[in-house]
Amino acid sequence: MFNRKSTAGAAGADAAADKRRRHTPIAIAAVVGVLAIIGITAGIVVSNNNRQSSDASKSNSASGPSASATTAAGNGTTGSGSSNGNAATGTKHKLWGYYGANAINNGVDLQFGLDSRVSPENQRPITYYCDTGYYQYINLAFLNLFGSVAGRPHYEIRFGMVQNYTGSMAYIYDGDGKPSSDPETVKNYLRFGQDIKYCQSKGVKILVSLGGDKISNYFFNAGDGELYARTWYNAFLEGKDPATPRPFGNDVILDGIELDIEKRPNDYDDPNPSTWTPEMVSLVKNLRKLSPKTTLASVPQCVLRLNGTDENGGEHIRQNVEDLDYIIIQYYNNPPCSYPYGFNYDAWTKVFKGKIVIGLAGDHTSSIAGGFLDEGPLQAVYDMVKDSPQFIGFSVYDVSSSNPPAFRWTVDTYANPKPTTYSQILRNVLDGKIVGSGFPPQGPVYQDGVNTTYRCAGTWIWAEAHCDLRDCYQLMQAPGANPDAVCNNGDPLGKLECNQMISKTCGK
């Protein structure tokens, strides 16, 4: 889901832009000039009703004075997978992981921001992550170029670099009945297909994710919903049309397709729905007819339009509620609707009556516009939704940034970071283990008759602008940090302090 977001390996000129594709931030009307949030009065409380299905789990709420975590690395616990790495498909709350975007290589540093930390690592082969046993689903990120040209179904899958693979990981199809990529890329994808089969043998369902950012050249022309339903049914699902090549091999059948549309053709202030919405509805409904058992999902940003519909898809989700198995709501890179500034899960339970997955970032480096949840806020979010019958799990963008060999830089470990265990932490909290404490539930959210959050959104903007992706104040005092670093234009409030202060204030 970034911005819902990587490098494709196809062209060096595209790599830097691709690393940041996933989910660019949404503009916010409310801007606060100073961090004067104590004393903000409560508004209308978003209700917590209309929950329907039966996937709730029971665990104790976190409490305590600190935001420290009991992590998997510290307590020796494992994920819900078995010792041989099989996914525990019976677990009530499941974990989705995004693979392919190579967010481990995004280059975001806590102290110096974007393009200031170059990782020598690339994502491991997908089998490495399937073997953890943490994930029940892995979404391939992304098929991010599509749209018919002269009636032909062009599309492109763009993965970042994969360890032990050589050459491009950008598969191109121009709709002429044969791959348009070079032979080495075609071989890479056939090899990747065997890795997909391995993951499926471990109980992990593999989906392909369509779209995934705001800047890639994907679009819908009239008739594309039906056209691409047939194309992708034959390319990825059970279809057997010999005129349609199968990128991952003739013996590889994916488990599903998700629609991660993060832009719209009309202006965002246009009250009319997206002109793409009818084609999105058509795509889902035609896929469901062609493949009744396949998994179909949609991935909206958490932002809702004034009429209570998905900002990009409009009525697409409501009109496809019977055909979608679940939705993944992206709660990062979207300040006004994310914890702690206006977490709007309850509002979404009224928009979509089916199953809901909460989309989270795997690290600061994969949530460029903010929203990564450390253990304390993560526990608070889980405690708010764990008993909702519509809640079925978390997704993490992405697996490369939330598992070793990726490092997790924090204020305390900046000079000597440890390998990240964040995906394991997510698996643990979903299994009912307490992983953090010290953060309250989302507080009342201001609404003026529409679904626009005002309570704390402006303070996020202030914090991001003044703290500039840095934990400077505390980092200057951390071992190994640069004592001469100029932080926040002399403002002694670091980003971590900003966000912790806002979290606890907005939660009142």
Protein backbone atom coordinates (compact mmCIF):
# COMPACT_ATOMS: atom_id res chain seq x y z
CA MET A 1 0.00 0.00 0.00
CA PHE A 2 2.67 4.64 -0.59
CA ASN A 3 3.21 6.07 -0.54
CA ARG A 4 0.19 3.66 0.09
CA LYS A 5 5.78 3.11 -2.04
CA SER A 6 10.50 1.60 -4.65
CA THR A 7 12.92 0.86 -7.22
CA ALA A 8 12.11 -1.28 -10.21
CA GLY A 9 15.56 -2.16 -11.45
CA ALA A 10 14.51 -1.43 -15.03
CA ALA A 11 16.05 1.98 -15.44
CA GLY A 12 18.46 3.84 -13.22
CA ALA A 13 16.74 7.12 -13.80
CA ASP A 14 13.51 5.79 -12.34
CA ALA A 15 15.02 4.20 -9.24
CA ALA A 16 15.09 7.22 -6.93
CA ALA A 17 11.50 8.14 -7.71
CA ASP A 18 10.31 4.57 -7.44
CA LYS A 19 11.73 4.24 -3.92
CA ARG A 20 9.28 6.89 -2.74
CA ARG A 21 6.26 5.91 -4.75
CA ARG A 22 4.28 4.24 -2.07
CA HIS A 23 1.59 6.58 -0.79
CA THR A 24 2.35 10.29 -0.92
CA PRO A 25 0.66 12.36 1.81
CA ILE A 26 -2.78 13.91 1.52
CA ALA A 27 -2.99 17.71 1.83
CA ILE A 28 -4.69 18.95 4.96
CA ALA A 29 -6.68 22.12 5.36
CA ALA A 30 -6.03 22.59 9.06
CA VAL A 31 -2.56 23.98 9.77
CA VAL A 32 -1.49 24.81 13.28
CA GLY A 33 1.24 27.43 13.62
CA VAL A 34 2.30 26.43 17.12
CA LEU A 35 2.08 23.22 19.07
CA ALA A 36 -0.65 24.51 21.39
CA ILE A 37 -2.73 21.42 21.57
CA ILE A 38 -3.33 21.11 25.32
CA GLY A 39 -6.80 22.29 26.04
CA ILE A 40 -8.29 21.52 22.63
CA THR A 41 -11.92 20.78 23.33
CA ALA A 42 -13.50 17.54 22.30
CA GLY A 43 -15.96 17.39 19.45
CA ILE A 44 -18.32 14.81 18.24
CA VAL A 45 -17.16 11.33 19.06
CA VAL A 46 -17.06 8.96 16.14
CA SER A 47 -19.23 6.07 17.22
CA ASN A 48 -18.13 2.52 17.45
CA ASN A 49 -21.15 0.69 16.12
CA ASN A 50 -22.28 -1.41 13.18
CA ARG A 51 -19.74 -4.18 13.44
CA GLN A 52 -20.77 -7.41 11.84
CA SER A 53 -18.63 -10.50 11.37
CA SER A 54 -16.84 -12.84 13.80
CA ASP A 55 -13.07 -12.52 13.68
CA ALA A 56 -12.52 -10.84 17.07
CA SER A 57 -9.70 -11.89 19.37
CA LYS A 58 -9.32 -11.41 23.09
CA SER A 59 -6.29 -9.87 24.77
CA ASN A 60 -5.60 -7.61 27.73
CA SER A 61 -5.22 -3.90 27.16
CA ALA A 62 -1.80 -2.43 27.65
CA SER A 63 -1.25 -0.01 30.50
CA GLY A 64 1.66 1.59 32.24
CA PRO A 65 3.75 4.69 32.34
CA SER A 66 6.20 3.95 29.55
CA ALA A 67 6.09 3.19 25.84
CA SER A 68 8.71 0.49 26.08
CA ALA A 69 8.09 -2.79 24.28
CA THR A 70 8.57 -6.44 25.03
CA THR A 71 9.75 -7.41 21.58
CA ALA A 72 10.21 -10.77 19.99
CA ALA A 73 13.94 -10.27 20.06
CA GLY A 74 13.82 -9.68 23.79
CA ASN A 75 11.52 -12.44 24.94
CA GLY A 76 12.41 -15.16 22.49
CA THR A 77 8.87 -15.65 21.27
CA THR A 78 8.10 -16.69 17.73
CA GLY A 79 5.38 -15.84 15.27
CA SER A 80 2.27 -17.91 14.87
CA GLY A 81 3.91 -20.01 12.19
CA SER A 82 5.14 -23.48 13.03
CA SER A 83 8.79 -24.29 13.51
CA ASN A 84 9.18 -25.20 9.83
CA GLY A 85 7.90 -21.80 8.71
CA ASN A 86 4.36 -22.75 7.72
CA ALA A 87 1.85 -19.95 8.01
CA ALA A 88 -0.80 -20.48 10.68
CA THR A 89 -3.86 -20.10 8.50
CA GLY A 90 -6.17 -20.80 11.43
CA THR A 91 -5.12 -17.76 13.46
CA LYS A 92 -8.00 -15.34 14.01
CA HIS A 93 -6.06 -12.17 13.27
CA LYS A 94 -3.88 -12.46 10.21
CA LEU A 95 -0.85 -10.60 8.86
CA TRP A 96 -0.43 -9.39 5.28
CA GLY A 97 3.00 -8.41 3.98
CA TYR A 98 3.88 -6.39 0.88
CA TYR A 99 6.78 -7.70 -1.17
CA GLY A 100 8.60 -6.33 -4.19
CA ALA A 101 8.91 -2.60 -3.55
CA ASN A 102 12.28 -3.01 -1.76
CA ALA A 103 11.56 -0.36 0.86
CA ILE A 104 14.67 -1.49 2.74
CA ASN A 105 16.52 0.68 0.22
CA ASN A 106 14.44 3.86 0.57
CA GLY A 107 17.26 5.74 2.28
CA VAL A 108 15.36 7.62 5.02
CA ASP A 109 17.43 8.48 8.08
CA LEU A 110 15.93 9.54 11.42
CA GLN A 111 18.41 12.35 11.87
CA PHE A 112 19.00 13.61 8.35
CA GLY A 113 15.81 12.68 6.49
CA LEU A 114 15.51 11.56 2.86
CA ASP A 115 18.42 10.34 0.73
CA SER A 116 20.77 10.36 3.68
CA ARG A 117 21.22 6.66 4.38
CA VAL A 118 22.16 4.21 1.66
CA SER A 119 21.44 0.60 2.51
CA PRO A 120 23.83 -1.99 1.05
CA GLU A 121 20.99 -4.49 1.23
CA ASN A 122 18.20 -5.38 -1.16
CA GLN A 123 15.11 -7.40 -0.41
CA ARG A 124 15.66 -11.13 -0.09
CA PRO A 125 13.84 -13.62 -2.32
CA ILE A 126 10.19 -13.94 -1.36
CA THR A 127 10.83 -17.44 0.02
CA TYR A 128 12.94 -15.89 2.80
CA TYR A 129 9.91 -14.01 4.13
CA CYS A 130 7.49 -16.88 3.63
CA ASP A 131 9.77 -19.03 5.78
CA THR A 132 9.29 -16.72 8.78
CA GLY A 133 5.80 -18.08 9.35
CA TYR A 134 4.52 -14.59 10.19
CA TYR A 135 2.39 -13.95 7.11
CA GLN A 136 -0.82 -15.50 5.90
CA TYR A 137 -0.85 -13.31 2.79
CA ILE A 138 1.86 -11.63 0.72
CA ASN A 139 0.89 -8.97 -1.81
CA LEU A 140 3.19 -8.49 -4.80
CA ALA A 141 3.97 -4.78 -5.13
CA PHE A 142 3.26 -3.56 -7.71
CA LEU A 143 1.63 -3.95 -11.08
CA ASN A 144 1.73 -0.18 -11.40
CA LEU A 145 1.41 0.57 -15.10
CA PHE A 146 -1.79 -0.29 -16.95
CA GLY A 147 -4.47 1.24 -19.14
CA SER A 148 -5.55 0.18 -22.62
CA VAL A 149 -3.79 1.64 -25.65
CA ALA A 150 -5.78 1.37 -28.89
CA GLY A 151 -7.87 -1.33 -27.23
CA ARG A 152 -4.85 -3.43 -26.21
CA PRO A 153 -4.30 -4.29 -22.51
CA HIS A 154 -0.82 -2.95 -21.77
CA TYR A 155 0.56 -3.53 -18.25
CA GLU A 156 3.86 -3.61 -16.38
CA ILE A 157 4.97 -5.22 -13.11
CA ARG A 158 7.83 -3.38 -11.44
CA PHE A 159 9.73 -4.97 -8.55
CA GLY A 160 12.80 -3.57 -6.87
CA MET A 161 16.09 -5.40 -6.95
CA VAL A 162 16.04 -8.87 -5.40
CA GLN A 163 19.10 -10.44 -3.81
CA ASN A 164 20.61 -13.18 -6.01
CA TYR A 165 18.64 -12.04 -9.06
CA THR A 166 20.43 -10.27 -11.89
CA GLY A 167 19.04 -7.93 -14.52
CA SER A 168 15.70 -6.17 -14.61
CA MET A 169 12.68 -7.03 -12.48
CA ALA A 170 10.28 -5.03 -14.67
CA TYR A 171 7.98 -7.27 -16.70
CA ILE A 172 6.29 -5.52 -19.62
CA TYR A 173 3.32 -6.71 -21.65
CA ASP A 174 2.09 -4.61 -24.58
CA GLY A 175 -1.02 -6.63 -25.31
CA ASP A 176 0.31 -8.32 -28.42
CA GLY A 177 0.32 -11.90 -27.13
CA LYS A 178 3.96 -12.10 -26.02
CA PRO A 179 6.16 -10.54 -23.30
CA SER A 180 7.80 -7.27 -24.28
CA SER A 181 10.62 -7.64 -21.75
CA ASP A 182 14.07 -8.94 -22.56
CA PRO A 183 14.70 -12.72 -22.22
CA GLU A 184 16.61 -12.34 -18.94
CA THR A 185 13.68 -10.56 -17.29
CA VAL A 186 11.28 -13.22 -18.58
CA LYS A 187 13.51 -15.89 -17.01
CA ASN A 188 13.63 -13.93 -13.74
CA TYR A 189 9.83 -13.96 -13.57
CA LEU A 190 9.59 -17.65 -14.34
CA ARG A 191 12.09 -18.28 -11.55
CA PHE A 192 10.08 -16.00 -9.29
CA GLY A 193 7.02 -18.06 -10.13
CA GLN A 194 8.61 -21.14 -8.61
CA ASP A 195 9.28 -19.11 -5.46
CA ILE A 196 5.58 -18.22 -5.41
CA LYS A 197 4.68 -21.92 -5.56
CA TYR A 198 7.03 -22.58 -2.64
CA CYS A 199 5.30 -19.91 -0.56
CA GLN A 200 1.90 -21.32 -1.43
CA SER A 201 3.09 -24.74 -0.31
CA LYS A 202 3.84 -23.15 3.09
CA GLY A 203 0.24 -21.91 3.36
CA VAL A 204 0.91 -18.30 2.28
CA LYS A 205 -1.59 -16.81 -0.17
CA ILE A 206 -0.03 -14.66 -2.89
CA LEU A 207 -1.91 -11.74 -4.47
CA VAL A 208 -0.84 -9.17 -7.05
CA SER A 209 -1.42 -5.52 -6.12
CA LEU A 210 -2.57 -3.11 -8.85
CA GLY A 211 -1.55 0.56 -8.71
CA GLY A 212 0.20 1.33 -5.45
CA ASP A 213 1.13 5.01 -5.75
CA LYS A 214 0.04 8.41 -7.01
CA ILE A 215 2.56 8.95 -9.77
CA SER A 216 2.77 5.79 -11.88
CA ASN A 217 1.12 5.81 -15.28
CA TYR A 218 -1.94 3.71 -14.62
CA PHE A 219 -5.44 4.69 -15.70
CA PHE A 220 -8.81 3.35 -16.81
CA ASN A 221 -10.34 3.94 -20.22
CA ALA A 222 -13.94 3.08 -20.98
CA GLY A 223 -14.24 -0.69 -21.16
CA ASP A 224 -10.99 -1.38 -19.30
CA GLY A 225 -12.74 -3.01 -16.37
CA GLU A 226 -13.96 -5.90 -18.50
CA LEU A 227 -10.84 -5.95 -20.71
CA TYR A 228 -8.40 -6.23 -17.81
CA ALA A 229 -10.57 -8.70 -15.90
CA ARG A 230 -10.17 -11.11 -18.83
CA THR A 231 -6.47 -10.27 -19.26
CA TRP A 232 -5.50 -10.76 -15.62
CA TYR A 233 -7.74 -13.81 -15.24
CA ASN A 234 -5.71 -15.45 -18.00
CA ALA A 235 -2.34 -14.04 -16.88
CA PHE A 236 -2.55 -14.72 -13.13
CA LEU A 237 -5.61 -16.79 -12.21
CA GLU A 238 -7.20 -19.95 -13.64
CA GLY A 239 -7.56 -18.71 -17.21
CA LYS A 240 -5.97 -20.77 -19.99
CA ASP A 241 -6.10 -18.47 -23.03
CA PRO A 242 -2.94 -19.40 -25.01
CA ALA A 243 -2.86 -15.89 -26.50
CA THR A 244 -2.19 -14.36 -23.06
CA PRO A 245 1.28 -14.92 -21.58
CA ARG A 246 1.56 -15.84 -17.91
CA PRO A 247 4.48 -13.88 -16.37
CA PHE A 248 5.11 -16.34 -13.52
CA GLY A 249 4.69 -19.48 -15.60
CA ASN A 250 1.85 -21.62 -16.88
CA ASP A 251 1.84 -23.71 -13.70
CA VAL A 252 1.52 -20.75 -11.31
CA ILE A 253 -1.93 -19.58 -10.22
CA LEU A 254 -2.06 -16.61 -7.86
CA ASP A 255 -4.54 -16.56 -5.01
CA GLY A 256 -6.01 -13.19 -5.77
CA ILE A 257 -5.84 -9.58 -6.93
CA GLU A 258 -6.09 -6.36 -4.93
CA LEU A 259 -6.92 -2.92 -6.25
CA ASP A 260 -4.68 -0.22 -4.70
CA ILE A 261 -5.75 2.90 -6.59
CA GLU A 262 -4.19 6.00 -5.04
CA LYS A 263 -5.10 8.74 -7.48
CA ARG A 264 -8.08 9.99 -9.45
CA PRO A 265 -8.38 11.71 -12.83
CA ASN A 266 -10.48 14.63 -11.57
CA ASP A 267 -9.21 17.28 -9.20
CA TYR A 268 -9.46 16.39 -5.52
CA ASP A 269 -11.71 19.38 -4.85
CA ASP A 270 -14.12 18.18 -7.54
CA PRO A 271 -17.27 17.01 -5.71
CA ASN A 272 -18.03 14.58 -8.52
CA PRO A 273 -16.87 10.96 -8.21
CA SER A 274 -13.84 9.66 -10.05
CA THR A 275 -14.57 8.92 -13.69
CA TRP A 276 -12.63 5.69 -13.12
CA THR A 277 -15.11 4.37 -10.56
CA PRO A 278 -17.41 2.53 -13.05
CA GLU A 279 -14.41 0.69 -14.50
CA MET A 280 -13.16 -0.26 -11.02
CA VAL A 281 -16.60 -1.65 -10.22
CA SER A 282 -16.63 -3.51 -13.53
CA LEU A 283 -13.15 -4.95 -12.96
CA VAL A 284 -14.07 -6.45 -9.59
CA LYS A 285 -17.43 -7.78 -10.70
CA ASN A 286 -16.03 -9.36 -13.87
CA LEU A 287 -13.14 -10.95 -11.96
CA ARG A 288 -15.63 -12.38 -9.47
CA LYS A 289 -17.69 -13.89 -12.29
CA LEU A 290 -14.63 -15.39 -13.98
CA SER A 291 -13.03 -16.68 -10.77
CA PRO A 292 -15.62 -17.11 -7.99
CA LYS A 293 -13.12 -18.48 -5.45
CA THR A 294 -10.28 -16.01 -5.97
CA THR A 295 -9.48 -13.45 -3.26
CA LEU A 296 -10.41 -9.90 -4.26
CA ALA A 297 -9.59 -6.85 -2.15
CA SER A 298 -9.40 -3.07 -2.32
CA VAL A 299 -6.86 -0.81 -0.60
CA PRO A 300 -8.21 2.68 0.12
CA GLN A 301 -6.30 5.41 1.86
CA CYS A 302 -7.89 6.13 5.23
CA VAL A 303 -9.03 9.57 3.99
CA LEU A 304 -12.76 9.78 3.34
CA ARG A 305 -14.40 12.34 1.08
CA LEU A 306 -16.98 14.73 2.43
CA ASN A 307 -19.78 12.38 1.35
CA GLY A 308 -18.23 9.48 3.26
CA THR A 309 -16.76 7.65 0.26
CA ASP A 310 -13.24 6.53 -0.53
CA GLU A 311 -11.25 9.53 -1.74
CA ASN A 312 -9.94 7.80 -4.87
CA GLY A 313 -12.39 4.99 -5.58
CA GLY A 314 -15.60 6.82 -4.79
CA GLU A 315 -18.50 4.38 -4.60
CA HIS A 316 -16.34 1.52 -5.87
CA ILE A 317 -16.12 -0.12 -2.43
CA ARG A 318 -19.79 0.28 -1.57
CA GLN A 319 -20.88 -1.04 -4.97
CA ASN A 320 -18.55 -4.05 -4.67
CA VAL A 321 -19.20 -4.90 -1.03
CA GLU A 322 -20.55 -8.36 -1.94
CA ASP A 323 -17.61 -9.13 -4.24
CA LEU A 324 -14.71 -7.93 -2.06
CA ASP A 325 -13.32 -10.35 0.51
CA TYR A 326 -11.90 -7.49 2.59
CA ILE A 327 -10.39 -4.03 2.35
CA ILE A 328 -6.97 -2.88 3.61
CA ILE A 329 -7.17 0.71 4.91
CA GLN A 330 -3.83 2.50 4.72
CA TYR A 331 -3.12 4.22 8.03
CA TYR A 332 0.27 5.78 7.29
CA ASN A 333 1.35 8.72 5.15
CA ASN A 334 -2.16 10.02 5.86
CA PRO A 335 -1.97 12.26 8.93
CA PRO A 336 -5.56 13.44 9.42
CA CYS A 337 -7.09 9.97 9.67
CA SER A 338 -4.26 8.09 11.41
CA TYR A 339 -3.53 7.51 15.09
CA PRO A 340 -3.30 9.65 17.14
CA TYR A 341 -4.65 12.55 15.13
CA GLY A 342 -7.95 11.16 13.92
CA PHE A 343 -7.89 7.36 13.66
CA ASN A 344 -11.17 6.77 11.81
CA TYR A 345 -11.58 3.00 11.85
CA ASP A 346 -15.10 3.30 13.25
CA ALA A 347 -16.14 5.56 10.38
CA TRP A 348 -14.88 2.97 7.91
CA THR A 349 -16.95 0.22 9.54
CA LYS A 350 -19.99 2.20 8.40
CA VAL A 351 -18.67 2.66 4.87
CA PHE A 352 -17.78 -1.02 4.40
CA LYS A 353 -19.71 -3.69 6.28
CA GLY A 354 -17.29 -6.50 5.48
CA LYS A 355 -13.88 -7.50 6.82
CA ILE A 356 -11.23 -4.83 7.43
CA VAL A 357 -7.43 -4.98 7.57
CA ILE A 358 -5.48 -2.06 9.07
CA GLY A 359 -2.53 -1.12 6.87
CA LEU A 360 0.66 -0.15 8.73
CA ALA A 361 4.19 0.86 7.77
CA GLY A 362 7.09 -1.48 8.50
CA ASP A 363 9.56 1.24 9.44
CA HIS A 364 10.15 4.99 9.27
CA THR A 365 11.83 4.40 5.93
CA SER A 366 8.63 2.99 4.43
CA SER A 367 6.35 5.74 5.77
CA ILE A 368 8.05 8.76 4.29
CA ALA A 369 5.27 11.17 5.29
CA GLY A 370 4.96 9.76 8.80
CA GLY A 371 2.73 7.33 10.60
CA PHE A 372 5.05 4.48 11.63
CA LEU A 373 3.81 3.05 14.94
CA ASP A 374 6.33 2.09 17.58
CA GLU A 375 5.29 -0.54 20.08
CA GLY A 376 3.34 1.76 22.41
CA PRO A 377 1.10 3.34 19.76
CA LEU A 378 0.80 -0.04 18.00
CA GLN A 379 -0.56 -1.60 21.17
CA ALA A 380 -3.01 1.28 21.58
CA VAL A 381 -4.33 0.82 18.04
CA TYR A 382 -4.69 -2.93 18.45
CA ASP A 383 -6.53 -2.54 21.74
CA MET A 384 -9.00 -0.18 20.05
CA VAL A 385 -9.91 -2.63 17.28
CA LYS A 386 -9.21 -6.13 18.58
CA ASP A 387 -12.80 -6.80 19.60
CA SER A 388 -14.35 -5.41 16.44
CA PRO A 389 -15.99 -8.29 14.55
CA GLN A 390 -14.92 -6.64 11.27
CA PHE A 391 -11.22 -6.43 12.15
CA ILE A 392 -9.22 -9.38 10.76
CA GLY A 393 -5.59 -8.25 10.97
CA PHE A 394 -2.76 -5.92 9.99
CA SER A 395 -0.83 -5.46 6.79
CA VAL A 396 2.75 -4.23 6.74
CA TYR A 397 4.46 -2.24 4.02
CA ASP A 398 6.80 -3.82 3.49
CA VAL A 399 8.45 -7.12 4.44
CA SER A 400 11.96 -5.99 3.46
CA SER A 401 11.94 -3.06 5.92
CA SER A 402 10.36 -4.97 8.80
CA ASN A 403 12.60 -8.08 8.90
CA PRO A 404 16.34 -8.71 9.12
CA PRO A 405 18.73 -7.90 7.54
CA ALA A 406 17.07 -4.46 7.70
CA PHE A 407 18.04 -2.42 10.74
CA ARG A 408 15.71 -0.49 12.99
CA TRP A 409 17.10 2.89 13.88
CA THR A 410 15.66 4.42 17.03
CA VAL A 411 16.82 7.20 19.31
CA ASP A 412 18.33 4.66 21.69
CA THR A 413 20.00 2.52 19.01
CA TYR A 414 20.98 5.15 16.45
CA ALA A 415 24.71 4.65 16.87
CA ASN A 416 24.43 0.86 16.92
CA PRO A 417 21.12 -0.22 15.39
CA LYS A 418 19.84 -3.74 15.78
CA PRO A 419 18.17 -5.88 13.10
CA THR A 420 14.49 -5.09 13.01
CA THR A 421 11.92 -7.51 14.40
CA TYR A 422 8.87 -5.39 13.55
CA SER A 423 7.01 -8.04 11.55
CA GLN A 424 7.48 -10.42 14.45
CA ILE A 425 6.18 -7.72 16.81
CA LEU A 426 3.10 -7.36 14.61
CA ARG A 427 2.59 -11.11 14.66
CA ASN A 428 2.95 -11.13 18.44
CA VAL A 429 0.40 -8.37 19.06
CA LEU A 430 -2.06 -10.06 16.70
CA ASP A 431 -1.62 -13.23 18.76
CA GLY A 432 -2.64 -11.34 21.90
CA LYS A 433 0.79 -10.66 23.36
CA ILE A 434 1.40 -7.27 24.99
CA VAL A 435 4.15 -5.52 23.02
CA GLY A 436 3.95 -1.95 24.38
CA SER A 437 2.14 0.43 26.69
CA GLY A 438 1.77 4.04 27.72
CA PHE A 439 -0.46 5.37 24.92
CA PRO A 440 -4.19 5.99 25.24
CA PRO A 441 -6.98 5.28 22.78
CA GLN A 442 -7.83 7.80 20.08
CA GLY A 443 -9.53 10.78 21.67
CA PRO A 444 -12.65 12.55 20.41
CA VAL A 445 -12.35 13.78 16.85
CA TYR A 446 -13.72 17.13 15.73
CA GLN A 447 -16.23 16.95 12.90
CA ASP A 448 -18.30 19.78 11.48
CA GLY A 449 -20.98 17.57 9.96
CA VAL A 450 -18.57 16.00 7.49
CA ASN A 451 -15.88 13.38 7.83
CA THR A 452 -12.93 15.78 8.06
CA THR A 453 -10.62 15.59 11.06
CA TYR A 454 -9.48 18.79 12.72
CA ARG A 455 -8.50 17.83 16.23
CA CYS A 456 -4.82 17.07 15.80
CA ALA A 457 -4.12 16.94 12.07
CA GLY A 458 -2.57 20.39 12.04
CA THR A 459 -0.15 19.45 14.79
CA TRP A 460 1.11 16.57 12.63
CA ILE A 461 1.80 19.08 9.87
CA TRP A 462 3.55 21.36 12.36
CA ALA A 463 5.60 18.49 13.75
CA GLU A 464 6.64 17.24 10.32
CA ALA A 465 7.55 20.76 9.18
CA HIS A 466 9.50 21.72 12.27
CA CYS A 467 10.93 18.37 13.23
CA ASP A 468 11.81 17.53 9.63
CA LEU A 469 11.91 13.72 9.90
CA ARG A 470 14.41 13.98 12.72
CA ASP A 471 14.60 12.99 16.34
CA CYS A 472 17.24 15.67 16.65
CA TYR A 473 16.96 16.83 20.22
CA GLN A 474 17.38 13.36 21.66
CA LEU A 475 19.64 12.13 18.88
CA MET A 476 22.22 14.82 19.63
CA GLN A 477 22.55 13.26 23.06
CA ALA A 478 22.70 9.67 21.77
CA PRO A 479 26.06 7.88 21.67
CA GLY A 480 27.72 8.31 18.29
CA ALA A 481 25.44 11.10 17.11
CA ASN A 482 26.83 14.27 15.56
CA PRO A 483 26.84 16.89 18.35
CA ASP A 484 27.16 19.69 15.78
CA ALA A 485 23.98 18.77 13.93
CA VAL A 486 21.67 21.73 13.54
CA CYS A 487 18.22 20.57 14.46
CA ASN A 488 14.84 22.12 13.80
CA ASN A 489 16.22 25.62 13.25
CA GLY A 490 17.08 25.85 16.90
CA ASP A 491 13.77 24.46 18.10
CA PRO A 492 14.63 22.08 20.97
CA LEU A 493 11.69 19.81 20.26
CA GLY A 494 12.63 16.68 18.33
CA LYS A 495 10.19 14.74 16.15
CA LEU A 496 9.89 11.85 18.57
CA GLU A 497 9.02 14.24 21.39
CA CYS A 498 6.59 16.06 19.11
CA ASN A 499 4.75 12.93 18.20
CA GLN A 500 4.72 11.46 21.69
CA MET A 501 3.40 14.71 23.11
CA ILE A 502 0.73 14.95 20.43
CA SER A 503 -0.24 11.30 20.90
CA LYS A 504 -0.93 11.63 24.59
CA THR A 505 -2.68 14.99 24.25
CA CYS A 506 -4.92 13.93 21.37
CA GLY A 507 -5.80 10.78 23.24
CA LYS A 508 -7.41 12.70 26.12
